[in-house]
Amino acid sequence: MRMTARDVLSCLILAVLLGGAGLGLRRALPVTPVDAAFRAVLSAYAAPAGGPQQHD
């Protein structure tokens, strides 16, 4: 099935609308700050310093 110019234009318009909605939500909703409990979880799952890494 070949795409026509109308199909390409409608996909482009949809992409622009979705991008605009994403940017609008990003600007409208505040980012949740990182708290101490989240930092504790990150440090608990962190790789040990100087140790071998799993992907080596």
PDB file of N, CA and C in Angstrom:
ATOM      1  N   MET A   1       0.843  -1.173   0.000  1.00  0.00           N
ATOM      2  CA  MET A   1       0.000   0.000   0.000  1.00  0.00           C
ATOM      3  C   MET A   1       0.893   1.241   0.000  1.00  0.00           C
ATOM      4  N   ARG A   2       0.693   2.104  -0.950  1.00  0.00           N
ATOM      5  CA  ARG A   2       1.492   3.315  -1.073  1.00  0.00           C
ATOM      6  C   ARG A   2       0.859   4.445  -0.282  1.00  0.00           C
ATOM      7  N   MET A   3       1.721   5.286   0.278  1.00  0.00           N
ATOM      8  CA  MET A   3       1.231   6.456   1.007  1.00  0.00           C
ATOM      9  C   MET A   3       1.061   7.609   0.030  1.00  0.00           C
ATOM     10  N   THR A   4      -0.037   8.283   0.138  1.00  0.00           N
ATOM     11  CA  THR A   4      -0.284   9.445  -0.696  1.00  0.00           C
ATOM     12  C   THR A   4       0.193  10.694   0.042  1.00  0.00           C
ATOM     13  N   ALA A   5       0.177  11.801  -0.665  1.00  0.00           N
ATOM     14  CA  ALA A   5       0.578  13.073  -0.054  1.00  0.00           C
ATOM     15  C   ALA A   5      -0.363  13.434   1.091  1.00  0.00           C
ATOM     16  N   ARG A   6      -1.620  13.069   0.959  1.00  0.00           N
ATOM     17  CA  ARG A   6      -2.580  13.353   2.028  1.00  0.00           C
ATOM     18  C   ARG A   6      -2.246  12.544   3.279  1.00  0.00           C
ATOM     19  N   ASP A   7      -1.827  11.286   3.111  1.00  0.00           N
ATOM     20  CA  ASP A   7      -1.437  10.451   4.253  1.00  0.00           C
ATOM     21  C   ASP A   7      -0.221  11.030   4.963  1.00  0.00           C
ATOM     22  N   VAL A   8       0.761  11.463   4.198  1.00  0.00           N
ATOM     23  CA  VAL A   8       1.972  12.043   4.780  1.00  0.00           C
ATOM     24  C   VAL A   8       1.636  13.330   5.523  1.00  0.00           C
ATOM     25  N   LEU A   9       0.792  14.145   4.942  1.00  0.00           N
ATOM     26  CA  LEU A   9       0.404  15.402   5.584  1.00  0.00           C
ATOM     27  C   LEU A   9      -0.363  15.146   6.877  1.00  0.00           C
ATOM     28  N   SER A  10      -1.261  14.176   6.874  1.00  0.00           N
ATOM     29  CA  SER A  10      -2.008  13.894   8.097  1.00  0.00           C
ATOM     30  C   SER A  10      -1.098  13.320   9.177  1.00  0.00           C
ATOM     31  N   CYS A  11      -0.108  12.504   8.801  1.00  0.00           N
ATOM     32  CA  CYS A  11       0.853  12.003   9.791  1.00  0.00           C
ATOM     33  C   CYS A  11       1.688  13.142  10.359  1.00  0.00           C
ATOM     34  N   LEU A  12       2.088  14.067   9.508  1.00  0.00           N
ATOM     35  CA  LEU A  12       2.872  15.213   9.955  1.00  0.00           C
ATOM     36  C   LEU A  12       2.064  16.091  10.902  1.00  0.00           C
ATOM     37  N   ILE A  13       0.807  16.321  10.570  1.00  0.00           N
ATOM     38  CA  ILE A  13      -0.045  17.140  11.436  1.00  0.00           C
ATOM     39  C   ILE A  13      -0.249  16.454  12.780  1.00  0.00           C
ATOM     40  N   LEU A  14      -0.471  15.144  12.766  1.00  0.00           N
ATOM     41  CA  LEU A  14      -0.636  14.402  14.015  1.00  0.00           C
ATOM     42  C   LEU A  14       0.633  14.457  14.857  1.00  0.00           C
ATOM     43  N   ALA A  15       1.785  14.325  14.229  1.00  0.00           N
ATOM     44  CA  ALA A  15       3.052  14.385  14.971  1.00  0.00           C
ATOM     45  C   ALA A  15       3.248  15.762  15.597  1.00  0.00           C
ATOM     46  N   VAL A  16       2.930  16.803  14.871  1.00  0.00           N
ATOM     47  CA  VAL A  16       3.082  18.163  15.404  1.00  0.00           C
ATOM     48  C   VAL A  16       2.105  18.395  16.557  1.00  0.00           C
ATOM     49  N   LEU A  17       0.881  17.910  16.418  1.00  0.00           N
ATOM     50  CA  LEU A  17      -0.093  18.060  17.505  1.00  0.00           C
ATOM     51  C   LEU A  17       0.336  17.302  18.757  1.00  0.00           C
ATOM     52  N   LEU A  18       0.813  16.076  18.585  1.00  0.00           N
ATOM     53  CA  LEU A  18       1.257  15.300  19.744  1.00  0.00           C
ATOM     54  C   LEU A  18       2.491  15.924  20.389  1.00  0.00           C
ATOM     55  N   GLY A  19       3.403  16.429  19.588  1.00  0.00           N
ATOM     56  CA  GLY A  19       4.574  17.107  20.137  1.00  0.00           C
ATOM     57  C   GLY A  19       4.184  18.359  20.897  1.00  0.00           C
ATOM     58  N   GLY A  20       3.249  19.111  20.344  1.00  0.00           N
ATOM     59  CA  GLY A  20       2.771  20.313  21.033  1.00  0.00           C
ATOM     60  C   GLY A  20       2.064  19.975  22.336  1.00  0.00           C
ATOM     61  N   ALA A  21       1.291  18.887  22.339  1.00  0.00           N
ATOM     62  CA  ALA A  21       0.627  18.469  23.575  1.00  0.00           C
ATOM     63  C   ALA A  21       1.656  18.039  24.619  1.00  0.00           C
ATOM     64  N   GLY A  22       2.695  17.344  24.192  1.00  0.00           N
ATOM     65  CA  GLY A  22       3.745  16.937  25.127  1.00  0.00           C
ATOM     66  C   GLY A  22       4.478  18.130  25.708  1.00  0.00           C
ATOM     67  N   LEU A  23       4.812  19.080  24.861  1.00  0.00           N
ATOM     68  CA  LEU A  23       5.487  20.284  25.359  1.00  0.00           C
ATOM     69  C   LEU A  23       4.576  21.088  26.277  1.00  0.00           C
ATOM     70  N   GLY A  24       3.303  21.150  25.935  1.00  0.00           N
ATOM     71  CA  GLY A  24       2.361  21.870  26.788  1.00  0.00           C
ATOM     72  C   GLY A  24       2.227  21.231  28.160  1.00  0.00           C
ATOM     73  N   LEU A  25       2.149  19.895  28.194  1.00  0.00           N
ATOM     74  CA  LEU A  25       2.087  19.213  29.481  1.00  0.00           C
ATOM     75  C   LEU A  25       3.371  19.398  30.271  1.00  0.00           C
ATOM     76  N   ARG A  26       4.490  19.381  29.583  1.00  0.00           N
ATOM     77  CA  ARG A  26       5.788  19.545  30.254  1.00  0.00           C
ATOM     78  C   ARG A  26       5.893  20.927  30.888  1.00  0.00           C
ATOM     79  N   ARG A  27       5.362  21.924  30.211  1.00  0.00           N
ATOM     80  CA  ARG A  27       5.400  23.293  30.749  1.00  0.00           C
ATOM     81  C   ARG A  27       4.356  23.500  31.841  1.00  0.00           C
ATOM     82  N   ALA A  28       3.210  22.823  31.748  1.00  0.00           N
ATOM     83  CA  ALA A  28       2.111  23.058  32.685  1.00  0.00           C
ATOM     84  C   ALA A  28       2.299  22.316  34.000  1.00  0.00           C
ATOM     85  N   LEU A  29       2.879  21.122  33.963  1.00  0.00           N
ATOM     86  CA  LEU A  29       2.991  20.317  35.172  1.00  0.00           C
ATOM     87  C   LEU A  29       4.394  20.443  35.758  1.00  0.00           C
ATOM     88  N   PRO A  30       4.497  20.684  37.047  1.00  0.00           N
ATOM     89  CA  PRO A  30       5.814  20.813  37.658  1.00  0.00           C
ATOM     90  C   PRO A  30       6.511  19.452  37.771  1.00  0.00           C
ATOM     91  N   VAL A  31       7.829  19.496  37.750  1.00  0.00           N
ATOM     92  CA  VAL A  31       8.630  18.293  37.916  1.00  0.00           C
ATOM     93  C   VAL A  31       8.730  17.989  39.405  1.00  0.00           C
ATOM     94  N   THR A  32       8.515  16.732  39.764  1.00  0.00           N
ATOM     95  CA  THR A  32       8.600  16.335  41.165  1.00  0.00           C
ATOM     96  C   THR A  32      10.055  16.326  41.606  1.00  0.00           C
ATOM     97  N   PRO A  33      10.389  17.024  42.675  1.00  0.00           N
ATOM     98  CA  PRO A  33      11.785  17.045  43.121  1.00  0.00           C
ATOM     99  C   PRO A  33      12.200  15.695  43.706  1.00  0.00           C
ATOM    100  N   VAL A  34      13.484  15.415  43.624  1.00  0.00           N
ATOM    101  CA  VAL A  34      14.030  14.173  44.165  1.00  0.00           C
ATOM    102  C   VAL A  34      14.147  14.323  45.674  1.00  0.00           C
ATOM    103  N   ASP A  35      13.596  13.359  46.408  1.00  0.00           N
ATOM    104  CA  ASP A  35      13.648  13.427  47.863  1.00  0.00           C
ATOM    105  C   ASP A  35      14.694  12.458  48.410  1.00  0.00           C
ATOM    106  N   ALA A  36      14.858  12.446  49.710  1.00  0.00           N
ATOM    107  CA  ALA A  36      15.887  11.631  50.358  1.00  0.00           C
ATOM    108  C   ALA A  36      15.615  10.137  50.200  1.00  0.00           C
ATOM    109  N   ALA A  37      14.355   9.723  50.215  1.00  0.00           N
ATOM    110  CA  ALA A  37      14.034   8.301  50.072  1.00  0.00           C
ATOM    111  C   ALA A  37      14.421   7.791  48.686  1.00  0.00           C
ATOM    112  N   PHE A  38      14.190   8.592  47.665  1.00  0.00           N
ATOM    113  CA  PHE A  38      14.562   8.192  46.311  1.00  0.00           C
ATOM    114  C   PHE A  38      16.079   8.099  46.173  1.00  0.00           C
ATOM    115  N   ARG A  39      16.793   9.044  46.765  1.00  0.00           N
ATOM    116  CA  ARG A  39      18.261   8.983  46.729  1.00  0.00           C
ATOM    117  C   ARG A  39      18.782   7.745  47.454  1.00  0.00           C
ATOM    118  N   ALA A  40      18.128   7.335  48.529  1.00  0.00           N
ATOM    119  CA  ALA A  40      18.538   6.133  49.257  1.00  0.00           C
ATOM    120  C   ALA A  40      18.357   4.892  48.400  1.00  0.00           C
ATOM    121  N   VAL A  41      17.279   4.834  47.645  1.00  0.00           N
ATOM    122  CA  VAL A  41      17.056   3.687  46.754  1.00  0.00           C
ATOM    123  C   VAL A  41      18.113   3.667  45.655  1.00  0.00           C
ATOM    124  N   LEU A  42      18.416   4.816  45.090  1.00  0.00           N
ATOM    125  CA  LEU A  42      19.443   4.870  44.045  1.00  0.00           C
ATOM    126  C   LEU A  42      20.800   4.432  44.577  1.00  0.00           C
ATOM    127  N   SER A  43      21.153   4.861  45.765  1.00  0.00           N
ATOM    128  CA  SER A  43      22.454   4.472  46.313  1.00  0.00           C
ATOM    129  C   SER A  43      22.474   2.993  46.675  1.00  0.00           C
ATOM    130  N   ALA A  44      21.340   2.416  47.050  1.00  0.00           N
ATOM    131  CA  ALA A  44      21.288   0.992  47.382  1.00  0.00           C
ATOM    132  C   ALA A  44      21.497   0.128  46.146  1.00  0.00           C
ATOM    133  N   TYR A  45      21.042   0.584  44.990  1.00  0.00           N
ATOM    134  CA  TYR A  45      21.178  -0.182  43.761  1.00  0.00           C
ATOM    135  C   TYR A  45      22.392   0.223  42.925  1.00  0.00           C
ATOM    136  N   ALA A  46      23.189   1.149  43.405  1.00  0.00           N
ATOM    137  CA  ALA A  46      24.354   1.613  42.656  1.00  0.00           C
ATOM    138  C   ALA A  46      25.430   0.532  42.618  1.00  0.00           C
ATOM    139  N   ALA A  47      26.201   0.538  41.540  1.00  0.00           N
ATOM    140  CA  ALA A  47      27.302  -0.410  41.414  1.00  0.00           C
ATOM    141  C   ALA A  47      28.417  -0.011  42.375  1.00  0.00           C
ATOM    142  N   PRO A  48      29.122  -0.977  42.930  1.00  0.00           N
ATOM    143  CA  PRO A  48      30.222  -0.624  43.828  1.00  0.00           C
ATOM    144  C   PRO A  48      31.332   0.109  43.075  1.00  0.00           C
ATOM    145  N   ALA A  49      31.931   1.071  43.727  1.00  0.00           N
ATOM    146  CA  ALA A  49      32.986   1.874  43.100  1.00  0.00           C
ATOM    147  C   ALA A  49      34.227   1.022  42.875  1.00  0.00           C
ATOM    148  N   GLY A  50      34.745   1.050  41.650  1.00  0.00           N
ATOM    149  CA  GLY A  50      35.980   0.348  41.341  1.00  0.00           C
ATOM    150  C   GLY A  50      35.822  -1.137  41.055  1.00  0.00           C
ATOM    151  N   GLY A  51      34.638  -1.675  41.201  1.00  0.00           N
ATOM    152  CA  GLY A  51      34.431  -3.090  40.969  1.00  0.00           C
ATOM    153  C   GLY A  51      34.180  -3.382  39.486  1.00  0.00           C
ATOM    154  N   PRO A  52      34.203  -4.660  39.115  1.00  0.00           N
ATOM    155  CA  PRO A  52      33.950  -4.988  37.713  1.00  0.00           C
ATOM    156  C   PRO A  52      32.490  -4.727  37.363  1.00  0.00           C
ATOM    157  N   GLN A  53      32.285  -4.316  36.133  1.00  0.00           N
ATOM    158  CA  GLN A  53      30.941  -4.047  35.687  1.00  0.00           C
ATOM    159  C   GLN A  53      30.377  -5.277  34.977  1.00  0.00           C
ATOM    160  N   GLN A  54      29.067  -5.380  34.979  1.00  0.00           N
ATOM    161  CA  GLN A  54      28.413  -6.558  34.424  1.00  0.00           C
ATOM    162  C   GLN A  54      28.606  -6.653  32.913  1.00  0.00           C
ATOM    163  N   HIS A  55      28.731  -5.520  32.212  1.00  0.00           N
ATOM    164  CA  HIS A  55      28.795  -5.532  30.758  1.00  0.00           C
ATOM    165  C   HIS A  55      30.202  -5.690  30.223  1.00  0.00           C
ATOM    166  N   ASP A  56      31.191  -5.826  31.078  1.00  0.00           N
ATOM    167  CA  ASP A  56      32.580  -5.974  30.582  1.00  0.00           C
ATOM    168  C   ASP A  56      32.842  -7.344  30.058  1.00  0.00           C
TER     169      ASP A  56
END
